[in-house]
Amino acid sequence: MNHIVTALGLIAPLAIFGLAFEAANAQANDMFPTRAAAEKRAKELQCSGAFAMGSEWMPCKNFDVYEKAIKKES
């Protein structure tokens, strides 16, 4: 029983890290140099609009909506 608990204790953080990495990777792929390009991607994600992230643009009206959209996509 202790081996199972120990294994779960090691696997759970890796799973959480994997999900965080996947979200960060999606975000990196959804940075665009123009608002128009981000709005085109927003249509693919079934959201609308775009928002500035530094000097680049991301799809959807804000980051919360974007996160929900990429979760639905995967």
PDB file of N, CA and C in Angstrom:
ATOM      1  N   MET A   1       0.820  -1.189   0.000  1.00  0.00           N
ATOM      2  CA  MET A   1       0.000   0.000   0.000  1.00  0.00           C
ATOM      3  C   MET A   1       0.864   1.254   0.000  1.00  0.00           C
ATOM      4  N   ASN A   2       1.935   1.272   0.789  1.00  0.00           N
ATOM      5  CA  ASN A   2       2.818   2.434   0.836  1.00  0.00           C
ATOM      6  C   ASN A   2       3.466   2.716  -0.520  1.00  0.00           C
ATOM      7  N   HIS A   3       3.723   1.655  -1.296  1.00  0.00           N
ATOM      8  CA  HIS A   3       4.322   1.839  -2.613  1.00  0.00           C
ATOM      9  C   HIS A   3       3.358   2.572  -3.543  1.00  0.00           C
ATOM     10  N   ILE A   4       2.088   2.249  -3.431  1.00  0.00           N
ATOM     11  CA  ILE A   4       1.074   2.908  -4.263  1.00  0.00           C
ATOM     12  C   ILE A   4       0.975   4.382  -3.892  1.00  0.00           C
ATOM     13  N   VAL A   5       0.921   4.666  -2.619  1.00  0.00           N
ATOM     14  CA  VAL A   5       0.836   6.052  -2.158  1.00  0.00           C
ATOM     15  C   VAL A   5       2.078   6.834  -2.598  1.00  0.00           C
ATOM     16  N   THR A   6       3.237   6.209  -2.470  1.00  0.00           N
ATOM     17  CA  THR A   6       4.477   6.858  -2.889  1.00  0.00           C
ATOM     18  C   THR A   6       4.463   7.112  -4.391  1.00  0.00           C
ATOM     19  N   ALA A   7       4.017   6.134  -5.168  1.00  0.00           N
ATOM     20  CA  ALA A   7       3.952   6.293  -6.624  1.00  0.00           C
ATOM     21  C   ALA A   7       2.998   7.420  -6.999  1.00  0.00           C
ATOM     22  N   LEU A   8       1.851   7.465  -6.355  1.00  0.00           N
ATOM     23  CA  LEU A   8       0.892   8.535  -6.632  1.00  0.00           C
ATOM     24  C   LEU A   8       1.458   9.895  -6.247  1.00  0.00           C
ATOM     25  N   GLY A   9       2.211   9.914  -5.168  1.00  0.00           N
ATOM     26  CA  GLY A   9       2.840  11.162  -4.735  1.00  0.00           C
ATOM     27  C   GLY A   9       3.859  11.671  -5.732  1.00  0.00           C
ATOM     28  N   LEU A  10       4.456  10.769  -6.491  1.00  0.00           N
ATOM     29  CA  LEU A  10       5.428  11.157  -7.506  1.00  0.00           C
ATOM     30  C   LEU A  10       4.762  11.484  -8.839  1.00  0.00           C
ATOM     31  N   ILE A  11       3.699  10.778  -9.152  1.00  0.00           N
ATOM     32  CA  ILE A  11       3.028  10.945 -10.441  1.00  0.00           C
ATOM     33  C   ILE A  11       2.180  12.219 -10.478  1.00  0.00           C
ATOM     34  N   ALA A  12       1.484  12.522  -9.401  1.00  0.00           N
ATOM     35  CA  ALA A  12       0.578  13.679  -9.390  1.00  0.00           C
ATOM     36  C   ALA A  12       1.287  14.985  -9.752  1.00  0.00           C
ATOM     37  N   PRO A  13       2.431  15.297  -9.146  1.00  0.00           N
ATOM     38  CA  PRO A  13       3.110  16.540  -9.544  1.00  0.00           C
ATOM     39  C   PRO A  13       3.543  16.545 -11.005  1.00  0.00           C
ATOM     40  N   LEU A  14       3.926  15.394 -11.526  1.00  0.00           N
ATOM     41  CA  LEU A  14       4.316  15.320 -12.937  1.00  0.00           C
ATOM     42  C   LEU A  14       3.123  15.582 -13.844  1.00  0.00           C
ATOM     43  N   ALA A  15       1.962  15.061 -13.474  1.00  0.00           N
ATOM     44  CA  ALA A  15       0.751  15.296 -14.260  1.00  0.00           C
ATOM     45  C   ALA A  15       0.388  16.770 -14.246  1.00  0.00           C
ATOM     46  N   ILE A  16       0.479  17.388 -13.089  1.00  0.00           N
ATOM     47  CA  ILE A  16       0.171  18.822 -12.987  1.00  0.00           C
ATOM     48  C   ILE A  16       1.164  19.625 -13.810  1.00  0.00           C
ATOM     49  N   PHE A  17       2.447  19.269 -13.733  1.00  0.00           N
ATOM     50  CA  PHE A  17       3.466  19.947 -14.533  1.00  0.00           C
ATOM     51  C   PHE A  17       3.174  19.774 -16.018  1.00  0.00           C
ATOM     52  N   GLY A  18       2.765  18.583 -16.414  1.00  0.00           N
ATOM     53  CA  GLY A  18       2.453  18.312 -17.819  1.00  0.00           C
ATOM     54  C   GLY A  18       1.312  19.181 -18.319  1.00  0.00           C
ATOM     55  N   LEU A  19       0.272  19.342 -17.508  1.00  0.00           N
ATOM     56  CA  LEU A  19      -0.853  20.197 -17.890  1.00  0.00           C
ATOM     57  C   LEU A  19      -0.413  21.652 -18.000  1.00  0.00           C
ATOM     58  N   ALA A  20       0.409  22.098 -17.075  1.00  0.00           N
ATOM     59  CA  ALA A  20       0.897  23.471 -17.108  1.00  0.00           C
ATOM     60  C   ALA A  20       1.770  23.690 -18.340  1.00  0.00           C
ATOM     61  N   PHE A  21       2.600  22.718 -18.674  1.00  0.00           N
ATOM     62  CA  PHE A  21       3.462  22.823 -19.857  1.00  0.00           C
ATOM     63  C   PHE A  21       2.619  22.878 -21.116  1.00  0.00           C
ATOM     64  N   GLU A  22       1.584  22.053 -21.179  1.00  0.00           N
ATOM     65  CA  GLU A  22       0.700  22.036 -22.349  1.00  0.00           C
ATOM     66  C   GLU A  22       0.025  23.395 -22.527  1.00  0.00           C
ATOM     67  N   ALA A  23      -0.459  23.983 -21.447  1.00  0.00           N
ATOM     68  CA  ALA A  23      -1.102  25.299 -21.518  1.00  0.00           C
ATOM     69  C   ALA A  23      -0.103  26.367 -21.954  1.00  0.00           C
ATOM     70  N   ALA A  24       1.106  26.315 -21.415  1.00  0.00           N
ATOM     71  CA  ALA A  24       2.128  27.297 -21.796  1.00  0.00           C
ATOM     72  C   ALA A  24       2.504  27.133 -23.258  1.00  0.00           C
ATOM     73  N   ASN A  25       2.575  25.900 -23.727  1.00  0.00           N
ATOM     74  CA  ASN A  25       2.916  25.648 -25.124  1.00  0.00           C
ATOM     75  C   ASN A  25       1.813  26.174 -26.040  1.00  0.00           C
ATOM     76  N   ALA A  26       0.564  25.942 -25.663  1.00  0.00           N
ATOM     77  CA  ALA A  26      -0.559  26.471 -26.448  1.00  0.00           C
ATOM     78  C   ALA A  26      -0.486  27.986 -26.493  1.00  0.00           C
ATOM     79  N   GLN A  27      -0.207  28.595 -25.367  1.00  0.00           N
ATOM     80  CA  GLN A  27      -0.118  30.053 -25.308  1.00  0.00           C
ATOM     81  C   GLN A  27       0.997  30.554 -26.219  1.00  0.00           C
ATOM     82  N   ALA A  28       2.137  29.934 -26.194  1.00  0.00           N
ATOM     83  CA  ALA A  28       3.266  30.361 -27.027  1.00  0.00           C
ATOM     84  C   ALA A  28       2.908  30.268 -28.506  1.00  0.00           C
ATOM     85  N   ASN A  29       2.133  29.254 -28.879  1.00  0.00           N
ATOM     86  CA  ASN A  29       1.733  29.083 -30.271  1.00  0.00           C
ATOM     87  C   ASN A  29       0.628  30.048 -30.683  1.00  0.00           C
ATOM     88  N   ASP A  30      -0.013  30.691 -29.751  1.00  0.00           N
ATOM     89  CA  ASP A  30      -1.124  31.600 -30.036  1.00  0.00           C
ATOM     90  C   ASP A  30      -0.764  33.062 -29.825  1.00  0.00           C
ATOM     91  N   MET A  31       0.502  33.392 -29.963  1.00  0.00           N
ATOM     92  CA  MET A  31       0.958  34.784 -29.919  1.00  0.00           C
ATOM     93  C   MET A  31       1.151  35.231 -31.365  1.00  0.00           C
ATOM     94  N   PHE A  32       0.544  36.351 -31.722  1.00  0.00           N
ATOM     95  CA  PHE A  32       0.570  36.808 -33.109  1.00  0.00           C
ATOM     96  C   PHE A  32       1.068  38.244 -33.193  1.00  0.00           C
ATOM     97  N   PRO A  33       1.715  38.581 -34.312  1.00  0.00           N
ATOM     98  CA  PRO A  33       2.227  39.948 -34.467  1.00  0.00           C
ATOM     99  C   PRO A  33       1.135  40.972 -34.782  1.00  0.00           C
ATOM    100  N   THR A  34      -0.023  40.504 -35.273  1.00  0.00           N
ATOM    101  CA  THR A  34      -1.102  41.436 -35.614  1.00  0.00           C
ATOM    102  C   THR A  34      -2.411  41.034 -34.957  1.00  0.00           C
ATOM    103  N   ARG A  35      -3.237  42.019 -34.738  1.00  0.00           N
ATOM    104  CA  ARG A  35      -4.568  41.771 -34.176  1.00  0.00           C
ATOM    105  C   ARG A  35      -5.391  40.896 -35.126  1.00  0.00           C
ATOM    106  N   ALA A  36      -5.289  41.163 -36.424  1.00  0.00           N
ATOM    107  CA  ALA A  36      -6.057  40.401 -37.411  1.00  0.00           C
ATOM    108  C   ALA A  36      -5.728  38.906 -37.352  1.00  0.00           C
ATOM    109  N   ALA A  37      -4.457  38.567 -37.200  1.00  0.00           N
ATOM    110  CA  ALA A  37      -4.057  37.157 -37.117  1.00  0.00           C
ATOM    111  C   ALA A  37      -4.625  36.518 -35.851  1.00  0.00           C
ATOM    112  N   ALA A  38      -4.610  37.243 -34.750  1.00  0.00           N
ATOM    113  CA  ALA A  38      -5.167  36.718 -33.495  1.00  0.00           C
ATOM    114  C   ALA A  38      -6.677  36.545 -33.606  1.00  0.00           C
ATOM    115  N   GLU A  39      -7.358  37.454 -34.268  1.00  0.00           N
ATOM    116  CA  GLU A  39      -8.809  37.343 -34.452  1.00  0.00           C
ATOM    117  C   GLU A  39      -9.162  36.153 -35.344  1.00  0.00           C
ATOM    118  N   LYS A  40      -8.318  35.873 -36.335  1.00  0.00           N
ATOM    119  CA  LYS A  40      -8.537  34.691 -37.176  1.00  0.00           C
ATOM    120  C   LYS A  40      -8.443  33.424 -36.332  1.00  0.00           C
ATOM    121  N   ARG A  41      -7.443  33.357 -35.465  1.00  0.00           N
ATOM    122  CA  ARG A  41      -7.289  32.195 -34.575  1.00  0.00           C
ATOM    123  C   ARG A  41      -8.456  32.127 -33.590  1.00  0.00           C
ATOM    124  N   ALA A  42      -8.965  33.279 -33.161  1.00  0.00           N
ATOM    125  CA  ALA A  42     -10.109  33.307 -32.246  1.00  0.00           C
ATOM    126  C   ALA A  42     -11.305  32.594 -32.870  1.00  0.00           C
ATOM    127  N   LYS A  43     -11.531  32.797 -34.157  1.00  0.00           N
ATOM    128  CA  LYS A  43     -12.640  32.114 -34.836  1.00  0.00           C
ATOM    129  C   LYS A  43     -12.453  30.604 -34.783  1.00  0.00           C
ATOM    130  N   GLU A  44     -11.211  30.142 -34.960  1.00  0.00           N
ATOM    131  CA  GLU A  44     -10.922  28.706 -34.873  1.00  0.00           C
ATOM    132  C   GLU A  44     -11.213  28.168 -33.478  1.00  0.00           C
ATOM    133  N   LEU A  45     -10.959  29.005 -32.476  1.00  0.00           N
ATOM    134  CA  LEU A  45     -11.189  28.602 -31.080  1.00  0.00           C
ATOM    135  C   LEU A  45     -12.637  28.819 -30.642  1.00  0.00           C
ATOM    136  N   GLN A  46     -13.451  29.337 -31.539  1.00  0.00           N
ATOM    137  CA  GLN A  46     -14.855  29.634 -31.270  1.00  0.00           C
ATOM    138  C   GLN A  46     -15.024  30.676 -30.174  1.00  0.00           C
ATOM    139  N   CYS A  47     -14.178  31.706 -30.239  1.00  0.00           N
ATOM    140  CA  CYS A  47     -14.317  32.874 -29.391  1.00  0.00           C
ATOM    141  C   CYS A  47     -14.181  34.078 -30.312  1.00  0.00           C
ATOM    142  N   SER A  48     -14.248  35.261 -29.784  1.00  0.00           N
ATOM    143  CA  SER A  48     -14.133  36.432 -30.649  1.00  0.00           C
ATOM    144  C   SER A  48     -13.202  37.458 -30.032  1.00  0.00           C
ATOM    145  N   GLY A  49     -12.669  38.312 -30.900  1.00  0.00           N
ATOM    146  CA  GLY A  49     -11.819  39.388 -30.440  1.00  0.00           C
ATOM    147  C   GLY A  49     -10.368  38.983 -30.313  1.00  0.00           C
ATOM    148  N   ALA A  50      -9.597  39.907 -29.781  1.00  0.00           N
ATOM    149  CA  ALA A  50      -8.173  39.701 -29.539  1.00  0.00           C
ATOM    150  C   ALA A  50      -7.748  40.678 -28.454  1.00  0.00           C
ATOM    151  N   PHE A  51      -6.686  40.339 -27.748  1.00  0.00           N
ATOM    152  CA  PHE A  51      -6.175  41.237 -26.708  1.00  0.00           C
ATOM    153  C   PHE A  51      -4.660  41.289 -26.797  1.00  0.00           C
ATOM    154  N   ALA A  52      -4.124  42.422 -26.398  1.00  0.00           N
ATOM    155  CA  ALA A  52      -2.683  42.630 -26.451  1.00  0.00           C
ATOM    156  C   ALA A  52      -2.009  41.912 -25.291  1.00  0.00           C
ATOM    157  N   MET A  53      -0.874  41.291 -25.614  1.00  0.00           N
ATOM    158  CA  MET A  53      -0.038  40.640 -24.603  1.00  0.00           C
ATOM    159  C   MET A  53       1.372  41.129 -24.897  1.00  0.00           C
ATOM    160  N   GLY A  54       1.750  42.181 -24.205  1.00  0.00           N
ATOM    161  CA  GLY A  54       3.024  42.820 -24.517  1.00  0.00           C
ATOM    162  C   GLY A  54       2.918  43.471 -25.884  1.00  0.00           C
ATOM    163  N   SER A  55       3.843  43.160 -26.759  1.00  0.00           N
ATOM    164  CA  SER A  55       3.819  43.736 -28.104  1.00  0.00           C
ATOM    165  C   SER A  55       3.132  42.829 -29.117  1.00  0.00           C
ATOM    166  N   GLU A  56       2.585  41.708 -28.651  1.00  0.00           N
ATOM    167  CA  GLU A  56       1.915  40.767 -29.543  1.00  0.00           C
ATOM    168  C   GLU A  56       0.432  40.671 -29.182  1.00  0.00           C
ATOM    169  N   TRP A  57      -0.284  39.877 -29.960  1.00  0.00           N
ATOM    170  CA  TRP A  57      -1.724  39.732 -29.789  1.00  0.00           C
ATOM    171  C   TRP A  57      -2.089  38.276 -29.554  1.00  0.00           C
ATOM    172  N   MET A  58      -3.130  38.074 -28.743  1.00  0.00           N
ATOM    173  CA  MET A  58      -3.647  36.733 -28.481  1.00  0.00           C
ATOM    174  C   MET A  58      -5.129  36.688 -28.837  1.00  0.00           C
ATOM    175  N   PRO A  59      -5.634  35.507 -29.202  1.00  0.00           N
ATOM    176  CA  PRO A  59      -7.043  35.376 -29.567  1.00  0.00           C
ATOM    177  C   PRO A  59      -7.973  35.445 -28.358  1.00  0.00           C
ATOM    178  N   CYS A  60      -9.216  35.782 -28.602  1.00  0.00           N
ATOM    179  CA  CYS A  60     -10.315  35.887 -27.640  1.00  0.00           C
ATOM    180  C   CYS A  60     -10.289  37.276 -26.983  1.00  0.00           C
ATOM    181  N   LYS A  61     -11.362  37.604 -26.284  1.00  0.00           N
ATOM    182  CA  LYS A  61     -11.458  38.963 -25.739  1.00  0.00           C
ATOM    183  C   LYS A  61     -10.565  39.192 -24.527  1.00  0.00           C
ATOM    184  N   ASN A  62     -10.195  38.095 -23.809  1.00  0.00           N
ATOM    185  CA  ASN A  62      -9.269  38.218 -22.683  1.00  0.00           C
ATOM    186  C   ASN A  62      -8.666  36.848 -22.381  1.00  0.00           C
ATOM    187  N   PHE A  63      -7.737  36.814 -21.443  1.00  0.00           N
ATOM    188  CA  PHE A  63      -7.004  35.582 -21.175  1.00  0.00           C
ATOM    189  C   PHE A  63      -7.893  34.491 -20.578  1.00  0.00           C
ATOM    190  N   ASP A  64      -8.850  34.855 -19.747  1.00  0.00           N
ATOM    191  CA  ASP A  64      -9.747  33.852 -19.160  1.00  0.00           C
ATOM    192  C   ASP A  64     -10.544  33.134 -20.241  1.00  0.00           C
ATOM    193  N   VAL A  65     -11.081  33.887 -21.182  1.00  0.00           N
ATOM    194  CA  VAL A  65     -11.852  33.297 -22.281  1.00  0.00           C
ATOM    195  C   VAL A  65     -10.926  32.430 -23.146  1.00  0.00           C
ATOM    196  N   TYR A  66      -9.713  32.903 -23.383  1.00  0.00           N
ATOM    197  CA  TYR A  66      -8.739  32.133 -24.155  1.00  0.00           C
ATOM    198  C   TYR A  66      -8.450  30.785 -23.486  1.00  0.00           C
ATOM    199  N   GLU A  67      -8.193  30.794 -22.186  1.00  0.00           N
ATOM    200  CA  GLU A  67      -7.899  29.538 -21.477  1.00  0.00           C
ATOM    201  C   GLU A  67      -9.045  28.551 -21.591  1.00  0.00           C
ATOM    202  N   LYS A  68     -10.263  29.016 -21.450  1.00  0.00           N
ATOM    203  CA  LYS A  68     -11.427  28.126 -21.585  1.00  0.00           C
ATOM    204  C   LYS A  68     -11.518  27.574 -22.998  1.00  0.00           C
ATOM    205  N   ALA A  69     -11.224  28.409 -23.991  1.00  0.00           N
ATOM    206  CA  ALA A  69     -11.303  27.979 -25.391  1.00  0.00           C
ATOM    207  C   ALA A  69     -10.262  26.903 -25.707  1.00  0.00           C
ATOM    208  N   ILE A  70      -9.037  27.065 -25.218  1.00  0.00           N
ATOM    209  CA  ILE A  70      -8.016  26.050 -25.534  1.00  0.00           C
ATOM    210  C   ILE A  70      -8.289  24.742 -24.793  1.00  0.00           C
ATOM    211  N   LYS A  71      -8.923  24.815 -23.631  1.00  0.00           N
ATOM    212  CA  LYS A  71      -9.282  23.577 -22.929  1.00  0.00           C
ATOM    213  C   LYS A  71     -10.331  22.810 -23.722  1.00  0.00           C
ATOM    214  N   LYS A  72     -11.276  23.516 -24.333  1.00  0.00           N
ATOM    215  CA  LYS A  72     -12.301  22.867 -25.145  1.00  0.00           C
ATOM    216  C   LYS A  72     -11.692  22.268 -26.402  1.00  0.00           C
ATOM    217  N   GLU A  73     -10.665  22.932 -26.938  1.00  0.00           N
ATOM    218  CA  GLU A  73     -10.042  22.480 -28.179  1.00  0.00           C
ATOM    219  C   GLU A  73      -9.284  21.163 -27.997  1.00  0.00           C
ATOM    220  N   SER A  74      -8.672  20.963 -26.833  1.00  0.00           N
ATOM    221  CA  SER A  74      -7.837  19.772 -26.645  1.00  0.00           C
ATOM    222  C   SER A  74      -8.623  18.563 -26.224  1.00  0.00           C
TER     223      SER A  74
END
